[in-house]
PDB file of N, CA and C in Angstrom:
ATOM      1  N   UNK A   1       0.838  -1.178   0.002  1.00  0.00           N
ATOM      2  CA  UNK A   1      -0.001  -0.013  -0.015  1.00  0.00           C
ATOM      3  C   UNK A   1       0.870   1.227   0.008  1.00  0.00           C
ATOM      4  N   UNK A   2       0.467   2.208  -0.709  1.00  0.00           N
ATOM      5  CA  UNK A   2       1.174   3.485  -0.792  1.00  0.00           C
ATOM      6  C   UNK A   2       1.167   4.208   0.543  1.00  0.00           C
ATOM      7  N   UNK A   3       2.295   4.543   1.118  1.00  0.00           N
ATOM      8  CA  UNK A   3       2.326   5.201   2.440  1.00  0.00           C
ATOM      9  C   UNK A   3       1.713   6.622   2.385  1.00  0.00           C
ATOM     10  N   UNK A   4       1.532   7.148   1.192  1.00  0.00           N
ATOM     11  CA  UNK A   4       0.955   8.493   1.108  1.00  0.00           C
ATOM     12  C   UNK A   4      -0.502   8.466   0.717  1.00  0.00           C
ATOM     13  N   UNK A   5      -1.155   7.316   0.856  1.00  0.00           N
ATOM     14  CA  UNK A   5      -2.582   7.211   0.468  1.00  0.00           C
ATOM     15  C   UNK A   5      -3.463   8.069   1.359  1.00  0.00           C
ATOM     16  N   UNK A   6      -4.447   8.710   0.745  1.00  0.00           N
ATOM     17  CA  UNK A   6      -5.354   9.567   1.481  1.00  0.00           C
ATOM     18  C   UNK A   6      -6.572   8.810   1.967  1.00  0.00           C
ATOM     19  N   UNK A   7      -7.261   9.406   2.889  1.00  0.00           N
ATOM     20  CA  UNK A   7      -8.518   8.783   3.364  1.00  0.00           C
ATOM     21  C   UNK A   7      -9.507   8.701   2.220  1.00  0.00           C
ATOM     22  N   UNK A   8      -9.552   9.707   1.373  1.00  0.00           N
ATOM     23  CA  UNK A   8     -10.459   9.712   0.213  1.00  0.00           C
ATOM     24  C   UNK A   8     -10.235   8.520  -0.725  1.00  0.00           C
ATOM     25  N   UNK A   9      -8.977   8.263  -1.004  1.00  0.00           N
ATOM     26  CA  UNK A   9      -8.629   7.130  -1.883  1.00  0.00           C
ATOM     27  C   UNK A   9      -8.964   5.790  -1.180  1.00  0.00           C
ATOM     28  N   UNK A  10      -8.696   5.709   0.075  1.00  0.00           N
ATOM     29  CA  UNK A  10      -9.008   4.495   0.856  1.00  0.00           C
ATOM     30  C   UNK A  10     -10.499   4.270   0.859  1.00  0.00           C
ATOM     31  N   UNK A  11     -11.274   5.330   1.024  1.00  0.00           N
ATOM     32  CA  UNK A  11     -12.714   5.206   1.044  1.00  0.00           C
ATOM     33  C   UNK A  11     -13.208   4.699  -0.330  1.00  0.00           C
ATOM     34  N   UNK A  12     -12.644   5.205  -1.415  1.00  0.00           N
ATOM     35  CA  UNK A  12     -13.048   4.704  -2.746  1.00  0.00           C
ATOM     36  C   UNK A  12     -12.777   3.214  -2.892  1.00  0.00           C
ATOM     37  N   UNK A  13     -11.645   2.765  -2.420  1.00  0.00           N
ATOM     38  CA  UNK A  13     -11.322   1.323  -2.436  1.00  0.00           C
ATOM     39  C   UNK A  13     -12.330   0.529  -1.629  1.00  0.00           C
ATOM     40  N   UNK A  14     -12.701   1.045  -0.473  1.00  0.00           N
ATOM     41  CA  UNK A  14     -13.681   0.389   0.387  1.00  0.00           C
ATOM     42  C   UNK A  14     -15.057   0.341  -0.286  1.00  0.00           C
ATOM     43  N   UNK A  15     -15.461   1.450  -0.899  1.00  0.00           N
ATOM     44  CA  UNK A  15     -16.758   1.503  -1.585  1.00  0.00           C
ATOM     45  C   UNK A  15     -16.830   0.501  -2.716  1.00  0.00           C
ATOM     46  N   UNK A  16     -15.706   0.352  -3.446  1.00  0.00           N
ATOM     47  CA  UNK A  16     -15.676  -0.656  -4.510  1.00  0.00           C
ATOM     48  C   UNK A  16     -15.793  -2.066  -3.960  1.00  0.00           C
ATOM     49  N   UNK A  17     -15.184  -2.318  -2.847  1.00  0.00           N
ATOM     50  CA  UNK A  17     -15.256  -3.639  -2.200  1.00  0.00           C
ATOM     51  C   UNK A  17     -16.675  -3.911  -1.691  1.00  0.00           C
ATOM     52  N   UNK A  18     -17.297  -2.918  -1.117  1.00  0.00           N
ATOM     53  CA  UNK A  18     -18.693  -3.104  -0.614  1.00  0.00           C
ATOM     54  C   UNK A  18     -19.637  -3.327  -1.778  1.00  0.00           C
ATOM     55  N   UNK A  19     -19.374  -2.688  -2.911  1.00  0.00           N
ATOM     56  CA  UNK A  19     -20.234  -2.862  -4.099  1.00  0.00           C
ATOM     57  C   UNK A  19     -20.180  -4.313  -4.613  1.00  0.00           C
ATOM     58  N   UNK A  20     -19.087  -4.980  -4.376  1.00  0.00           N
ATOM     59  CA  UNK A  20     -18.906  -6.415  -4.842  1.00  0.00           C
ATOM     60  C   UNK A  20     -19.481  -7.437  -3.871  1.00  0.00           C
ATOM     61  N   UNK A  21     -19.743  -6.960  -2.619  1.00  0.00           N
ATOM     62  CA  UNK A  21     -20.274  -7.899  -1.647  1.00  0.00           C
ATOM     63  C   UNK A  21     -21.748  -8.169  -1.847  1.00  0.00           C
ATOM     64  N   UNK A  22     -22.168  -9.357  -1.467  1.00  0.00           N
ATOM     65  CA  UNK A  22     -23.589  -9.625  -1.549  1.00  0.00           C
ATOM     66  C   UNK A  22     -24.266  -9.141  -0.275  1.00  0.00           C
ATOM     67  N   UNK A  23     -24.718  -7.910  -0.315  1.00  0.00           N
ATOM     68  CA  UNK A  23     -25.372  -7.267   0.844  1.00  0.00           C
ATOM     69  C   UNK A  23     -26.711  -6.733   0.437  1.00  0.00           C
ATOM     70  N   UNK A  24     -27.593  -6.682   1.403  1.00  0.00           N
ATOM     71  CA  UNK A  24     -28.888  -6.049   1.185  1.00  0.00           C
ATOM     72  C   UNK A  24     -28.655  -4.538   1.012  1.00  0.00           C
ATOM     73  N   UNK A  25     -29.526  -3.852   0.277  1.00  0.00           N
ATOM     74  CA  UNK A  25     -29.361  -2.403   0.094  1.00  0.00           C
ATOM     75  C   UNK A  25     -29.240  -1.621   1.387  1.00  0.00           C
ATOM     76  N   UNK A  26     -30.056  -1.985   2.386  1.00  0.00           N
ATOM     77  CA  UNK A  26     -29.975  -1.248   3.679  1.00  0.00           C
ATOM     78  C   UNK A  26     -28.622  -1.414   4.357  1.00  0.00           C
ATOM     79  N   UNK A  27     -28.057  -2.596   4.208  1.00  0.00           N
ATOM     80  CA  UNK A  27     -26.735  -2.880   4.800  1.00  0.00           C
ATOM     81  C   UNK A  27     -25.669  -2.043   4.121  1.00  0.00           C
ATOM     82  N   UNK A  28     -25.771  -1.904   2.787  1.00  0.00           N
ATOM     83  CA  UNK A  28     -24.802  -1.064   2.079  1.00  0.00           C
ATOM     84  C   UNK A  28     -24.900   0.372   2.568  1.00  0.00           C
ATOM     85  N   UNK A  29     -26.087   0.885   2.757  1.00  0.00           N
ATOM     86  CA  UNK A  29     -26.285   2.242   3.215  1.00  0.00           C
ATOM     87  C   UNK A  29     -25.640   2.432   4.592  1.00  0.00           C
ATOM     88  N   UNK A  30     -25.862   1.505   5.503  1.00  0.00           N
ATOM     89  CA  UNK A  30     -25.298   1.559   6.812  1.00  0.00           C
ATOM     90  C   UNK A  30     -23.776   1.599   6.769  1.00  0.00           C
ATOM     91  N   UNK A  31     -23.219   0.714   5.923  1.00  0.00           N
ATOM     92  CA  UNK A  31     -21.733   0.634   5.822  1.00  0.00           C
ATOM     93  C   UNK A  31     -21.095   1.930   5.268  1.00  0.00           C
ATOM     94  N   UNK A  32     -21.866   2.684   4.527  1.00  0.00           N
ATOM     95  CA  UNK A  32     -21.260   3.851   3.826  1.00  0.00           C
ATOM     96  C   UNK A  32     -21.802   5.185   4.376  1.00  0.00           C
ATOM     97  N   UNK A  33     -22.695   5.189   5.343  1.00  0.00           N
ATOM     98  CA  UNK A  33     -23.311   6.458   5.711  1.00  0.00           C
ATOM     99  C   UNK A  33     -22.389   7.399   6.480  1.00  0.00           C
ATOM    100  N   UNK A  34     -21.334   6.899   7.097  1.00  0.00           N
ATOM    101  CA  UNK A  34     -20.434   7.801   7.835  1.00  0.00           C
ATOM    102  C   UNK A  34     -19.709   8.737   6.867  1.00  0.00           C
ATOM    103  N   UNK A  35     -19.622   8.358   5.611  1.00  0.00           N
ATOM    104  CA  UNK A  35     -18.988   9.258   4.636  1.00  0.00           C
ATOM    105  C   UNK A  35     -19.751  10.575   4.533  1.00  0.00           C
ATOM    106  N   UNK A  36     -21.069  10.531   4.554  1.00  0.00           N
ATOM    107  CA  UNK A  36     -21.851  11.759   4.457  1.00  0.00           C
ATOM    108  C   UNK A  36     -21.629  12.659   5.692  1.00  0.00           C
ATOM    109  N   UNK A  37     -21.585  12.040   6.850  1.00  0.00           N
ATOM    110  CA  UNK A  37     -21.361  12.803   8.063  1.00  0.00           C
ATOM    111  C   UNK A  37     -19.995  13.474   8.047  1.00  0.00           C
ATOM    112  N   UNK A  38     -18.953  12.706   7.631  1.00  0.00           N
ATOM    113  CA  UNK A  38     -17.620  13.269   7.565  1.00  0.00           C
ATOM    114  C   UNK A  38     -17.557  14.396   6.522  1.00  0.00           C
ATOM    115  N   UNK A  39     -18.193  14.220   5.372  1.00  0.00           N
ATOM    116  CA  UNK A  39     -18.171  15.251   4.330  1.00  0.00           C
ATOM    117  C   UNK A  39     -18.804  16.550   4.838  1.00  0.00           C
ATOM    118  N   UNK A  40     -19.845  16.380   5.679  1.00  0.00           N
ATOM    119  CA  UNK A  40     -20.538  17.555   6.240  1.00  0.00           C
ATOM    120  C   UNK A  40     -19.710  18.216   7.368  1.00  0.00           C
ATOM    121  N   UNK A  41     -19.094  17.409   8.217  1.00  0.00           N
ATOM    122  CA  UNK A  41     -18.459  17.899   9.423  1.00  0.00           C
ATOM    123  C   UNK A  41     -16.953  18.088   9.336  1.00  0.00           C
ATOM    124  N   UNK A  42     -16.274  17.304   8.546  1.00  0.00           N
ATOM    125  CA  UNK A  42     -14.802  17.351   8.492  1.00  0.00           C
ATOM    126  C   UNK A  42     -14.323  17.039   7.104  1.00  0.00           C
ATOM    127  N   UNK A  43     -14.703  17.873   6.111  1.00  0.00           N
ATOM    128  CA  UNK A  43     -14.385  17.592   4.709  1.00  0.00           C
ATOM    129  C   UNK A  43     -12.880  17.497   4.410  1.00  0.00           C
ATOM    130  N   UNK A  44     -12.063  18.185   5.191  1.00  0.00           N
ATOM    131  CA  UNK A  44     -10.627  18.202   4.961  1.00  0.00           C
ATOM    132  C   UNK A  44      -9.982  16.807   5.134  1.00  0.00           C
ATOM    133  N   UNK A  45     -10.631  15.958   5.881  1.00  0.00           N
ATOM    134  CA  UNK A  45     -10.022  14.672   6.173  1.00  0.00           C
ATOM    135  C   UNK A  45      -9.830  13.803   4.939  1.00  0.00           C
ATOM    136  N   UNK A  46     -10.637  13.996   3.918  1.00  0.00           N
ATOM    137  CA  UNK A  46     -10.554  13.185   2.696  1.00  0.00           C
ATOM    138  C   UNK A  46      -9.284  13.433   1.942  1.00  0.00           C
ATOM    139  N   UNK A  47      -8.654  14.614   2.124  1.00  0.00           N
ATOM    140  CA  UNK A  47      -7.406  14.900   1.422  1.00  0.00           C
ATOM    141  C   UNK A  47      -6.171  14.610   2.292  1.00  0.00           C
ATOM    142  N   UNK A  48      -6.414  14.236   3.517  1.00  0.00           N
ATOM    143  CA  UNK A  48      -5.291  13.964   4.410  1.00  0.00           C
ATOM    144  C   UNK A  48      -4.752  12.540   4.206  1.00  0.00           C
ATOM    145  N   UNK A  49      -3.450  12.398   4.282  1.00  0.00           N
ATOM    146  CA  UNK A  49      -2.833  11.104   4.252  1.00  0.00           C
ATOM    147  C   UNK A  49      -3.178  10.340   5.547  1.00  0.00           C
ATOM    148  N   UNK A  50      -3.452   9.045   5.401  1.00  0.00           N
ATOM    149  CA  UNK A  50      -3.832   8.277   6.579  1.00  0.00           C
ATOM    150  C   UNK A  50      -2.812   8.378   7.708  1.00  0.00           C
ATOM    151  N   UNK A  51      -1.545   8.400   7.318  1.00  0.00           N
ATOM    152  CA  UNK A  51      -0.490   8.434   8.387  1.00  0.00           C
ATOM    153  C   UNK A  51      -0.433   9.807   9.061  1.00  0.00           C
ATOM    154  N   UNK A  52      -1.084  10.826   8.480  1.00  0.00           N
ATOM    155  CA  UNK A  52      -1.099  12.145   9.125  1.00  0.00           C
ATOM    156  C   UNK A  52      -2.243  12.349  10.083  1.00  0.00           C
ATOM    157  N   UNK A  53      -3.211  11.438  10.063  1.00  0.00           N
ATOM    158  CA  UNK A  53      -4.359  11.554  10.960  1.00  0.00           C
ATOM    159  C   UNK A  53      -3.992  10.899  12.296  1.00  0.00           C
ATOM    160  N   UNK A  54      -3.885  11.709  13.297  1.00  0.00           N
ATOM    161  CA  UNK A  54      -3.430  11.242  14.581  1.00  0.00           C
ATOM    162  C   UNK A  54      -4.528  11.131  15.636  1.00  0.00           C
ATOM    163  N   UNK A  55      -4.174  10.582  16.751  1.00  0.00           N
ATOM    164  CA  UNK A  55      -5.126  10.445  17.865  1.00  0.00           C
ATOM    165  C   UNK A  55      -5.676  11.753  18.312  1.00  0.00           C
ATOM    166  N   UNK A  56      -4.798  12.793  18.357  1.00  0.00           N
ATOM    167  CA  UNK A  56      -5.277  14.086  18.767  1.00  0.00           C
ATOM    168  C   UNK A  56      -6.312  14.671  17.807  1.00  0.00           C
ATOM    169  N   UNK A  57      -6.102  14.447  16.486  1.00  0.00           N
ATOM    170  CA  UNK A  57      -7.092  14.920  15.500  1.00  0.00           C
ATOM    171  C   UNK A  57      -8.449  14.257  15.725  1.00  0.00           C
ATOM    172  N   UNK A  58      -8.423  12.934  15.924  1.00  0.00           N
ATOM    173  CA  UNK A  58      -9.646  12.192  16.116  1.00  0.00           C
ATOM    174  C   UNK A  58     -10.348  12.551  17.418  1.00  0.00           C
ATOM    175  N   UNK A  59      -9.584  12.745  18.480  1.00  0.00           N
ATOM    176  CA  UNK A  59     -10.132  13.123  19.749  1.00  0.00           C
ATOM    177  C   UNK A  59     -10.802  14.473  19.685  1.00  0.00           C
ATOM    178  N   UNK A  60     -10.113  15.432  19.000  1.00  0.00           N
ATOM    179  CA  UNK A  60     -10.690  16.756  18.842  1.00  0.00           C
ATOM    180  C   UNK A  60     -11.978  16.751  18.024  1.00  0.00           C
ATOM    181  N   UNK A  61     -11.956  15.975  16.938  1.00  0.00           N
ATOM    182  CA  UNK A  61     -13.160  15.834  16.140  1.00  0.00           C
ATOM    183  C   UNK A  61     -14.304  15.240  16.936  1.00  0.00           C
ATOM    184  N   UNK A  62     -14.032  14.147  17.660  1.00  0.00           N
ATOM    185  CA  UNK A  62     -15.075  13.535  18.471  1.00  0.00           C
ATOM    186  C   UNK A  62     -15.632  14.486  19.470  1.00  0.00           C
ATOM    187  N   UNK A  63     -14.809  15.295  20.145  1.00  0.00           N
ATOM    188  CA  UNK A  63     -15.286  16.271  21.110  1.00  0.00           C
ATOM    189  C   UNK A  63     -16.197  17.295  20.431  1.00  0.00           C
ATOM    190  N   UNK A  64     -15.769  17.829  19.273  1.00  0.00           N
ATOM    191  CA  UNK A  64     -16.600  18.780  18.545  1.00  0.00           C
ATOM    192  C   UNK A  64     -17.885  18.138  18.085  1.00  0.00           C
ATOM    193  N   UNK A  65     -17.825  16.947  17.589  1.00  0.00           N
ATOM    194  CA  UNK A  65     -18.997  16.202  17.086  1.00  0.00           C
ATOM    195  C   UNK A  65     -20.013  16.005  18.203  1.00  0.00           C
ATOM    196  N   UNK A  66     -19.537  15.566  19.362  1.00  0.00           N
ATOM    197  CA  UNK A  66     -20.463  15.304  20.500  1.00  0.00           C
ATOM    198  C   UNK A  66     -21.027  16.582  21.074  1.00  0.00           C
ATOM    199  N   UNK A  67     -20.400  17.709  20.794  1.00  0.00           N
ATOM    200  CA  UNK A  67     -20.851  18.962  21.368  1.00  0.00           C
ATOM    201  C   UNK A  67     -21.502  19.886  20.322  1.00  0.00           C
ATOM    202  N   UNK A  68     -22.137  19.320  19.317  1.00  0.00           N
ATOM    203  CA  UNK A  68     -22.937  20.078  18.412  1.00  0.00           C
ATOM    204  C   UNK A  68     -22.402  20.376  17.058  1.00  0.00           C
ATOM    205  N   UNK A  69     -21.302  19.793  16.633  1.00  0.00           N
ATOM    206  CA  UNK A  69     -20.776  20.029  15.333  1.00  0.00           C
ATOM    207  C   UNK A  69     -21.754  19.537  14.230  1.00  0.00           C
ATOM    208  N   UNK A  70     -22.423  18.486  14.495  1.00  0.00           N
ATOM    209  CA  UNK A  70     -23.382  17.931  13.524  1.00  0.00           C
ATOM    210  C   UNK A  70     -24.791  18.207  13.955  1.00  0.00           C
ATOM    211  N   UNK A  71     -25.709  18.352  13.034  1.00  0.00           N
ATOM    212  CA  UNK A  71     -27.100  18.485  13.333  1.00  0.00           C
ATOM    213  C   UNK A  71     -27.879  17.452  12.517  1.00  0.00           C
ATOM    214  N   UNK A  72     -29.022  17.064  13.013  1.00  0.00           N
ATOM    215  CA  UNK A  72     -29.836  16.083  12.283  1.00  0.00           C
ATOM    216  C   UNK A  72     -31.299  16.276  12.564  1.00  0.00           C
ATOM    217  N   UNK A  73     -32.141  15.768  11.693  1.00  0.00           N
ATOM    218  CA  UNK A  73     -33.567  15.739  11.924  1.00  0.00           C
ATOM    219  C   UNK A  73     -33.913  14.402  12.563  1.00  0.00           C
ATOM    220  N   UNK A  74     -34.750  14.432  13.603  1.00  0.00           N
ATOM    221  CA  UNK A  74     -35.157  13.164  14.246  1.00  0.00           C
ATOM    222  C   UNK A  74     -35.915  12.285  13.246  1.00  0.00           C
ATOM    223  N   UNK A  75     -35.886  11.001  13.499  1.00  0.00           N
ATOM    224  CA  UNK A  75     -36.577   9.986  12.657  1.00  0.00           C
ATOM    225  C   UNK A  75     -38.082  10.333  12.651  1.00  0.00           C
ATOM    226  N   UNK A  76     -38.682  10.271  11.488  1.00  0.00           N
ATOM    227  CA  UNK A  76     -40.114  10.581  11.261  1.00  0.00           C
ATOM    228  C   UNK A  76     -40.452  12.021  11.568  1.00  0.00           C
ATOM    229  N   UNK A  77     -39.493  12.942  11.457  1.00  0.00           N
ATOM    230  CA  UNK A  77     -39.751  14.335  11.682  1.00  0.00           C
ATOM    231  C   UNK A  77     -40.435  14.952  10.442  1.00  0.00           C
ATOM    232  N   UNK A  78     -41.242  15.977  10.680  1.00  0.00           N
ATOM    233  CA  UNK A  78     -41.806  16.663   9.513  1.00  0.00           C
ATOM    234  C   UNK A  78     -41.011  17.919   9.214  1.00  0.00           C
ATOM    235  N   UNK A  79     -41.412  18.621   8.169  1.00  0.00           N
ATOM    236  CA  UNK A  79     -40.600  19.784   7.737  1.00  0.00           C
ATOM    237  C   UNK A  79     -40.564  20.960   8.761  1.00  0.00           C
ATOM    238  N   UNK A  80     -41.470  20.920   9.748  1.00  0.00           N
ATOM    239  CA  UNK A  80     -41.476  21.973  10.748  1.00  0.00           C
ATOM    240  C   UNK A  80     -40.618  21.673  11.971  1.00  0.00           C
ATOM    241  N   UNK A  81     -40.039  20.483  12.012  1.00  0.00           N
ATOM    242  CA  UNK A  81     -39.228  20.061  13.133  1.00  0.00           C
ATOM    243  C   UNK A  81     -37.846  20.714  13.051  1.00  0.00           C
ATOM    244  N   UNK A  82     -37.382  21.185  14.220  1.00  0.00           N
ATOM    245  CA  UNK A  82     -36.028  21.765  14.246  1.00  0.00           C
ATOM    246  C   UNK A  82     -34.965  20.719  14.195  1.00  0.00           C
ATOM    247  N   UNK A  83     -33.827  21.094  13.651  1.00  0.00           N
ATOM    248  CA  UNK A  83     -32.665  20.182  13.704  1.00  0.00           C
ATOM    249  C   UNK A  83     -32.174  20.083  15.139  1.00  0.00           C
ATOM    250  N   UNK A  84     -31.655  18.911  15.486  1.00  0.00           N
ATOM    251  CA  UNK A  84     -31.096  18.709  16.832  1.00  0.00           C
ATOM    252  C   UNK A  84     -29.598  18.613  16.706  1.00  0.00           C
ATOM    253  N   UNK A  85     -28.912  19.016  17.785  1.00  0.00           N
ATOM    254  CA  UNK A  85     -27.456  18.946  17.819  1.00  0.00           C
ATOM    255  C   UNK A  85     -27.019  17.513  18.032  1.00  0.00           C
ATOM    256  N   UNK A  86     -25.888  17.149  17.461  1.00  0.00           N
ATOM    257  CA  UNK A  86     -25.337  15.820  17.619  1.00  0.00           C
ATOM    258  C   UNK A  86     -25.641  14.955  16.439  1.00  0.00           C
ATOM    259  N   UNK A  87     -25.649  13.644  16.603  1.00  0.00           N
ATOM    260  CA  UNK A  87     -25.951  12.718  15.549  1.00  0.00           C
ATOM    261  C   UNK A  87     -26.941  11.710  16.073  1.00  0.00           C
ATOM    262  N   UNK A  88     -27.817  11.239  15.239  1.00  0.00           N
ATOM    263  CA  UNK A  88     -28.889  10.332  15.666  1.00  0.00           C
ATOM    264  C   UNK A  88     -28.312   9.029  16.128  1.00  0.00           C
TER     265      UNK A  88
END
């Protein structure tokens, strides 16, 4: 494996592998849904080399994420429902 591989490239390899697996559509969605959250909350990570992403980076992201970095609509919410802080 290339030591300079980015998270974005690694994710593409993973998505190709998931596409080849015999999985139900809902399972594929679950396996890939964290990509959308990361794109929304930490888009820079996709251009970072895997070896550059350290424990401090991940701990800081987790702290921000748990304290309102992400917002979501509750399950079965209507269009008048406010977004909530955090992740479902």
